[in-house]
Amino acid sequence: MLLAGHQPTEPHLYSLLMGIKKGKLTQLKNKAKIPIPEARLLLGVCDQVNELQYGQVHLLTLLIG
């Protein structure tokens, strides 16, 4: 029924299906992590104390793995 495009109207069934969908998407996300040798992680935060001039950026890179 779902593959045919039928939308469940019963709240409990809909809730169960959404839980299954969320679980499957989480599994896919966790399995899809592909390690990249010598990858970098770039973190960015706003300059709350106005240390940087307009257009300037400060970068901090971290080696992962």
Protein backbone atom coordinates (compact mmCIF):
# COMPACT_ATOMS: atom_id res chain seq x y z
CA MET A 1 0.00 0.00 0.00
CA LEU A 2 2.77 2.44 0.90
CA LEU A 3 4.67 1.71 -2.31
CA ALA A 4 1.48 2.47 -4.24
CA GLY A 5 1.37 5.94 -2.68
CA HIS A 6 -1.28 5.31 -0.01
CA GLN A 7 -0.83 7.62 2.99
CA PRO A 8 -1.72 6.05 6.36
CA THR A 9 -4.41 8.03 8.17
CA GLU A 10 -4.41 6.07 11.43
CA PRO A 11 -2.10 7.94 13.88
CA HIS A 12 -0.58 4.87 15.53
CA LEU A 13 0.31 3.24 12.20
CA TYR A 14 1.75 6.53 10.94
CA SER A 15 3.86 6.88 14.10
CA LEU A 16 5.21 3.33 13.74
CA LEU A 17 6.10 3.89 10.10
CA MET A 18 7.86 7.17 10.84
CA GLY A 19 9.87 5.44 13.60
CA ILE A 20 10.94 2.72 11.17
CA LYS A 21 11.85 5.33 8.56
CA LYS A 22 13.91 7.32 11.07
CA GLY A 23 15.74 4.17 12.19
CA LYS A 24 16.55 3.15 8.62
CA LEU A 25 17.85 6.63 7.78
CA THR A 26 20.04 6.60 10.89
CA GLN A 27 21.44 3.19 9.92
CA LEU A 28 22.18 4.43 6.42
CA LYS A 29 23.88 7.56 7.75
CA ASN A 30 26.08 5.53 10.09
CA LYS A 31 27.01 2.97 7.43
CA ALA A 32 27.80 5.65 4.85
CA LYS A 33 30.73 7.06 6.81
CA ILE A 34 33.71 6.65 4.52
CA PRO A 35 37.08 7.19 6.18
CA ILE A 36 39.34 9.57 4.28
CA PRO A 37 43.06 9.33 5.10
CA GLU A 38 44.53 12.54 6.48
CA ALA A 39 41.15 14.30 6.41
CA ARG A 40 40.74 17.68 8.07
CA LEU A 41 37.95 19.07 10.19
CA LEU A 42 37.22 22.77 9.75
CA LEU A 43 35.47 24.53 12.63
CA GLY A 44 33.97 27.98 12.35
CA VAL A 45 32.59 30.36 14.94
CA CYS A 46 31.59 34.00 14.79
CA ASP A 47 33.93 36.74 16.04
CA GLN A 48 32.02 37.95 19.09
CA VAL A 49 34.80 40.23 20.39
CA ASN A 50 35.53 41.96 17.05
CA GLU A 51 39.18 40.87 16.87
CA LEU A 52 39.07 40.35 13.09
CA GLN A 53 38.79 43.02 10.43
CA TYR A 54 36.01 42.87 7.84
CA GLY A 55 36.73 40.02 5.42
CA GLN A 56 39.30 38.32 7.66
CA VAL A 57 38.99 34.75 8.83
CA HIS A 58 40.93 32.71 11.36
CA LEU A 59 41.21 29.02 10.53
CA LEU A 60 42.00 26.13 12.84
CA THR A 61 42.33 22.74 11.19
CA LEU A 62 42.49 19.44 13.02
CA LEU A 63 43.98 16.25 11.63
CA ILE A 64 41.47 13.42 11.99
CA GLY A 65 42.68 9.88 12.52
